[in-house]
Amino acid sequence: MKLGVSSYSFSPYMRATGANYFDIMKLAKEIGFDAIEFIDLSTDVQKADSVEALAKEIRAYADSLSLPIAAYTIGADFLNRENEVERVKKQLDIAAILGAKVLRHDACWSLKEGMSWREAVKIMAPMIREVTEYAATLGIKTCTENHGYILQDAERVEELILTVNHPNYGWLIDMGNFLCADDNPLRAVPIASKYAFHVHVKDFLVKPSTSDNPGDGWFTSRNGTFLRGTVAGHGAVPVRICLETLRNAGYEGVVSYEFEGMEENLSALRAAHKFIRQFV
């Protein structure tokens, strides 16, 4: 496995300093990450004539740093947005320019009134299959992450993957996000591991729902558990065991770190890199 980092992990630093994509790529390389993953590119972050032109510039700079672009991660909602298949196909064209071999897209963020998650899966599966069939022509695999409350626990994401039923479609396993659905990573990662196309390391501090509201920086799981992002190794996620489970299942790809904590951004990334590196 190789240790990467998501551009999302630099968000506080970018907001505070105005850093652009080139700046964080250079920082990722300096810290010691093997690869970088990008989320929805924006010309508001770094000026360019178009997103396509920006992707070309980022690819060239990544090549100059010998910093592979492991994945392109985008938002999507196949249940509630019109023309989502075509929009995501265009995002796959961006992924191809970047040289990313994996694209992660969401499935949905809310259910229509009276609809069950199983009904939603049946509606979305043909659209997601059409997307991954197009992706395969570009040499890109597609996957969905366990997040967003609706499709976050292991059995729900597994059912989506099995319903789509295409070898080019799999799972972006976020070991921390299972906690948002009150699913234990020690139980969920073994279920998910056989479908892994990409992996996120994420850690959370956890307080029971019976606790007083801790305030800023905290949010609640589906069932009311209090969670707060933190430095990998500082929280409740069993990172080492999850990585061992993935390795034993045959995963040899990139493991990207996602930081969502309140700690000082760059110090947190350096500490997380040192911690995760022991196991990758």
Protein backbone atom coordinates (compact mmCIF):
# COMPACT_ATOMS: atom_id res chain seq x y z
CA MET A 1 0.00 0.00 0.00
CA LYS A 2 1.00 3.64 -0.53
CA LEU A 3 0.14 6.57 1.74
CA GLY A 4 -1.65 9.46 0.09
CA VAL A 5 -3.51 12.53 1.28
CA SER A 6 -6.72 14.20 0.15
CA SER A 7 -6.60 17.83 -0.97
CA TYR A 8 -9.59 18.21 1.38
CA SER A 9 -7.21 17.66 4.30
CA PHE A 10 -5.59 21.03 3.54
CA SER A 11 -8.89 22.96 3.56
CA PRO A 12 -8.28 24.95 6.79
CA TYR A 13 -4.79 25.91 5.61
CA MET A 14 -6.10 26.94 2.20
CA ARG A 15 -8.85 29.10 3.71
CA ALA A 16 -6.42 30.77 6.11
CA THR A 17 -3.60 31.45 3.65
CA GLY A 18 -5.15 31.49 0.19
CA ALA A 19 -2.95 28.55 -0.84
CA ASN A 20 -3.73 27.04 -4.23
CA TYR A 21 -3.49 23.49 -5.55
CA PHE A 22 0.19 23.78 -6.42
CA ASP A 23 0.97 24.98 -2.89
CA ILE A 24 -0.69 22.01 -1.20
CA MET A 25 0.84 19.54 -3.64
CA LYS A 26 4.27 20.85 -2.72
CA LEU A 27 3.38 20.55 0.99
CA ALA A 28 2.10 17.01 0.52
CA LYS A 29 5.39 16.04 -1.08
CA GLU A 30 7.43 17.78 1.64
CA ILE A 31 5.52 16.03 4.43
CA GLY A 32 6.28 12.70 2.76
CA PHE A 33 3.00 11.51 1.24
CA ASP A 34 3.33 9.17 -1.73
CA ALA A 35 0.29 10.47 -3.66
CA ILE A 36 -2.49 13.04 -3.58
CA GLU A 37 -6.23 12.85 -4.17
CA PHE A 38 -8.30 15.79 -5.38
CA ILE A 39 -11.90 16.73 -4.70
CA ASP A 40 -14.11 18.74 -7.09
CA LEU A 41 -11.64 21.08 -8.78
CA SER A 42 -12.55 24.77 -8.83
CA THR A 43 -11.13 27.69 -10.78
CA ASP A 44 -12.03 29.79 -7.72
CA VAL A 45 -9.17 28.07 -5.89
CA GLN A 46 -6.68 28.41 -8.72
CA LYS A 47 -7.36 30.57 -11.74
CA ALA A 48 -7.53 28.90 -15.14
CA ASP A 49 -9.51 29.28 -18.34
CA SER A 50 -11.54 26.16 -17.50
CA VAL A 51 -11.59 23.19 -15.16
CA GLU A 52 -10.11 21.14 -17.99
CA ALA A 53 -7.22 23.55 -18.33
CA LEU A 54 -6.74 23.53 -14.58
CA ALA A 55 -6.65 19.73 -14.55
CA LYS A 56 -3.92 19.77 -17.21
CA GLU A 57 -1.86 22.23 -15.16
CA ILE A 58 -2.28 20.16 -12.00
CA ARG A 59 -1.31 16.97 -13.82
CA ALA A 60 1.83 18.60 -15.19
CA TYR A 61 2.83 19.94 -11.79
CA ALA A 62 2.16 16.58 -10.13
CA ASP A 63 4.40 14.93 -12.69
CA SER A 64 7.15 17.46 -11.97
CA LEU A 65 6.94 16.57 -8.27
CA SER A 66 6.72 12.81 -8.92
CA LEU A 67 3.50 12.93 -6.91
CA PRO A 68 0.87 10.62 -8.46
CA ILE A 69 -2.78 11.67 -8.45
CA ALA A 70 -4.43 8.65 -6.89
CA ALA A 71 -8.10 9.55 -7.24
CA TYR A 72 -10.60 12.24 -8.14
CA THR A 73 -13.47 12.62 -5.68
CA ILE A 74 -16.70 14.38 -6.62
CA GLY A 75 -20.12 15.05 -5.18
CA ALA A 76 -23.16 13.47 -6.83
CA ASP A 77 -26.82 12.72 -6.17
CA PHE A 78 -28.41 10.28 -8.61
CA LEU A 79 -31.71 10.30 -6.77
CA ASN A 80 -32.44 14.02 -6.62
CA ARG A 81 -30.56 15.72 -9.48
CA GLU A 82 -31.53 15.71 -13.11
CA ASN A 83 -29.02 14.76 -15.81
CA GLU A 84 -26.62 13.44 -13.16
CA VAL A 85 -25.31 10.63 -15.32
CA GLU A 86 -24.10 13.00 -18.01
CA ARG A 87 -22.65 15.43 -15.46
CA VAL A 88 -20.65 12.67 -13.76
CA LYS A 89 -19.43 11.42 -17.14
CA LYS A 90 -17.98 14.89 -17.74
CA GLN A 91 -16.26 14.67 -14.37
CA LEU A 92 -14.76 11.38 -15.51
CA ASP A 93 -13.22 13.29 -18.41
CA ILE A 94 -11.58 15.56 -15.82
CA ALA A 95 -10.31 12.51 -13.94
CA ALA A 96 -8.79 11.23 -17.18
CA ILE A 97 -6.95 14.52 -17.72
CA LEU A 98 -5.61 14.30 -14.16
CA GLY A 99 -4.42 10.76 -14.78
CA ALA A 100 -6.47 9.47 -11.84
CA LYS A 101 -7.33 5.78 -12.14
CA VAL A 102 -10.18 6.00 -9.60
CA LEU A 103 -13.18 8.32 -9.43
CA ARG A 104 -15.33 8.41 -6.32
CA HIS A 105 -18.87 9.73 -6.67
CA ASP A 106 -21.65 9.91 -4.12
CA ALA A 107 -24.91 8.01 -4.58
CA CYS A 108 -27.47 10.27 -2.89
CA TRP A 109 -27.81 12.65 0.04
CA SER A 110 -31.51 12.35 0.90
CA LEU A 111 -34.46 10.08 0.23
CA LYS A 112 -37.70 11.14 -1.36
CA GLU A 113 -40.66 11.17 1.00
CA GLY A 114 -41.78 7.65 1.89
CA MET A 115 -38.89 5.98 0.04
CA SER A 116 -36.69 3.35 1.70
CA TRP A 117 -32.97 3.15 1.10
CA ARG A 118 -33.49 -0.20 -0.64
CA GLU A 119 -35.92 1.37 -3.09
CA ALA A 120 -33.40 4.14 -3.71
CA VAL A 121 -30.68 1.59 -4.48
CA LYS A 122 -32.86 -0.03 -7.16
CA ILE A 123 -33.52 3.33 -8.80
CA MET A 124 -29.89 4.49 -8.74
CA ALA A 125 -28.15 1.26 -9.70
CA PRO A 126 -28.79 1.46 -13.48
CA MET A 127 -27.51 5.06 -13.57
CA ILE A 128 -24.38 4.20 -11.60
CA ARG A 129 -23.83 1.22 -13.90
CA GLU A 130 -24.02 3.47 -16.98
CA VAL A 131 -21.43 5.78 -15.41
CA THR A 132 -19.00 2.99 -14.64
CA GLU A 133 -19.40 1.50 -18.12
CA TYR A 134 -18.27 4.85 -19.54
CA ALA A 135 -15.46 5.05 -16.97
CA ALA A 136 -14.18 1.66 -18.08
CA THR A 137 -13.63 3.01 -21.60
CA LEU A 138 -11.30 5.60 -20.04
CA GLY A 139 -9.42 3.07 -17.93
CA ILE A 140 -10.91 4.50 -14.73
CA LYS A 141 -12.63 2.60 -11.93
CA THR A 142 -15.57 4.16 -10.11
CA CYS A 143 -16.61 3.75 -6.51
CA THR A 144 -18.90 5.13 -3.83
CA GLU A 145 -17.83 6.00 -0.30
CA ASN A 146 -19.66 5.04 2.86
CA HIS A 147 -20.89 8.47 3.90
CA GLY A 148 -23.94 10.71 3.89
CA TYR A 149 -26.05 8.81 6.47
CA ILE A 150 -28.29 7.18 3.81
CA LEU A 151 -25.70 4.73 2.46
CA GLN A 152 -23.10 4.68 5.20
CA ASP A 153 -23.28 1.39 7.07
CA ALA A 154 -21.61 -1.66 5.60
CA GLU A 155 -24.68 -3.67 4.56
CA ARG A 156 -26.24 -0.73 2.72
CA VAL A 157 -23.18 0.07 0.64
CA GLU A 158 -22.63 -3.61 -0.05
CA GLU A 159 -26.19 -3.90 -1.36
CA LEU A 160 -25.61 -0.94 -3.66
CA ILE A 161 -22.43 -2.51 -5.06
CA LEU A 162 -24.10 -5.88 -5.55
CA THR A 163 -27.11 -4.29 -7.23
CA VAL A 164 -24.96 -2.26 -9.64
CA ASN A 165 -23.16 -5.55 -10.30
CA HIS A 166 -20.31 -4.36 -12.48
CA PRO A 167 -16.62 -5.31 -12.08
CA ASN A 168 -15.55 -1.69 -12.65
CA TYR A 169 -17.59 -0.39 -9.68
CA GLY A 170 -16.52 -0.79 -6.07
CA TRP A 171 -16.07 0.87 -2.70
CA LEU A 172 -14.10 3.80 -1.35
CA ILE A 173 -13.73 2.51 2.19
CA ASP A 174 -13.60 5.27 4.78
CA MET A 175 -12.80 3.50 8.04
CA GLY A 176 -13.90 6.47 10.14
CA ASN A 177 -17.19 7.21 8.42
CA PHE A 178 -18.76 3.99 9.63
CA LEU A 179 -19.01 5.65 13.04
CA CYS A 180 -21.38 8.24 11.56
CA ALA A 181 -23.88 5.41 11.09
CA ASP A 182 -23.01 3.90 14.49
CA ASP A 183 -21.34 1.00 12.71
CA ASN A 184 -18.19 -0.43 14.32
CA PRO A 185 -15.21 -0.28 11.90
CA LEU A 186 -13.97 -3.61 13.28
CA ARG A 187 -17.19 -5.18 12.02
CA ALA A 188 -17.66 -3.07 8.88
CA VAL A 189 -14.20 -3.04 7.28
CA PRO A 190 -14.05 -6.86 6.90
CA ILE A 191 -17.37 -6.69 5.05
CA ALA A 192 -16.17 -3.85 2.83
CA SER A 193 -12.62 -5.01 2.19
CA LYS A 194 -13.36 -7.35 -0.70
CA TYR A 195 -14.84 -4.45 -2.70
CA ALA A 196 -12.06 -1.92 -2.01
CA PHE A 197 -11.01 0.34 -4.91
CA HIS A 198 -9.68 3.15 -2.71
CA VAL A 199 -9.31 3.81 1.04
CA HIS A 200 -9.57 6.79 3.40
CA VAL A 201 -8.01 6.89 6.84
CA LYS A 202 -10.04 9.14 9.11
CA ASP A 203 -10.22 9.37 12.87
CA PHE A 204 -12.85 10.69 15.28
CA LEU A 205 -13.17 11.55 18.92
CA VAL A 206 -16.34 9.96 20.27
CA LYS A 207 -18.69 10.84 23.12
CA PRO A 208 -21.92 8.95 23.91
CA SER A 209 -25.29 10.44 23.08
CA THR A 210 -25.99 10.77 26.80
CA SER A 211 -23.18 13.35 27.11
CA ASP A 212 -23.80 17.07 27.23
CA ASN A 213 -23.39 18.64 23.79
CA PRO A 214 -19.62 19.31 23.50
CA GLY A 215 -20.22 22.33 21.26
CA ASP A 216 -18.17 23.66 18.36
CA GLY A 217 -16.54 21.13 16.08
CA TRP A 218 -18.78 18.24 17.09
CA PHE A 219 -21.65 16.66 15.17
CA THR A 220 -23.91 13.68 15.76
CA SER A 221 -24.11 10.24 14.22
CA ARG A 222 -27.37 8.90 12.83
CA ASN A 223 -28.35 7.80 16.34
CA GLY A 224 -27.01 10.77 18.28
CA THR A 225 -23.44 9.81 19.21
CA PHE A 226 -21.19 12.89 19.34
CA LEU A 227 -18.25 12.85 16.90
CA ARG A 228 -15.39 15.23 16.16
CA GLY A 229 -12.68 14.80 13.56
CA THR A 230 -9.15 14.51 14.89
CA VAL A 231 -5.58 13.55 14.02
CA ALA A 232 -5.18 9.94 12.92
CA GLY A 233 -4.18 7.94 15.98
CA HIS A 234 -5.74 10.38 18.47
CA GLY A 235 -9.29 9.08 18.21
CA ALA A 236 -11.38 5.93 18.49
CA VAL A 237 -10.88 4.43 15.01
CA PRO A 238 -8.70 1.28 15.11
CA VAL A 239 -6.54 2.42 12.19
CA ARG A 240 -3.87 -0.28 12.43
CA ILE A 241 -6.36 -3.15 12.57
CA CYS A 242 -8.40 -1.72 9.68
CA LEU A 243 -5.29 -1.44 7.51
CA GLU A 244 -4.23 -4.97 8.42
CA THR A 245 -7.70 -6.22 7.45
CA LEU A 246 -7.46 -4.49 4.08
CA ARG A 247 -3.95 -5.80 3.44
CA ASN A 248 -5.02 -9.34 4.33
CA ALA A 249 -7.92 -9.00 1.87
CA GLY A 250 -5.40 -8.19 -0.89
CA TYR A 251 -5.72 -4.41 -1.09
CA GLU A 252 -2.51 -2.92 -2.49
CA GLY A 253 -3.67 0.55 -3.53
CA VAL A 254 -3.39 4.03 -2.08
CA VAL A 255 -4.58 4.84 1.42
CA SER A 256 -5.51 8.55 1.53
CA TYR A 257 -5.57 10.49 4.77
CA GLU A 258 -8.58 12.76 5.34
CA PHE A 259 -8.27 15.30 8.14
CA GLU A 260 -11.43 16.94 9.53
CA GLY A 261 -10.19 18.07 12.93
CA MET A 262 -9.89 21.36 14.82
CA GLU A 263 -6.15 20.95 15.41
CA GLU A 264 -3.63 23.19 13.61
CA ASN A 265 -3.77 21.93 10.05
CA LEU A 266 -0.17 21.28 8.99
CA SER A 267 0.92 19.99 12.40
CA ALA A 268 -2.00 17.57 12.29
CA LEU A 269 -1.03 16.32 8.84
CA ARG A 270 2.59 15.76 9.87
CA ALA A 271 1.54 13.88 12.99
CA ALA A 272 -0.97 11.77 11.08
CA HIS A 273 1.59 10.96 8.38
CA LYS A 274 4.05 9.75 11.01
CA PHE A 275 1.38 7.62 12.70
CA ILE A 276 -0.09 6.00 9.57
CA ARG A 277 3.31 5.42 7.98
CA GLN A 278 4.04 2.79 10.63
CA PHE A 279 1.36 0.55 9.11
CA VAL A 280 1.63 1.31 5.37
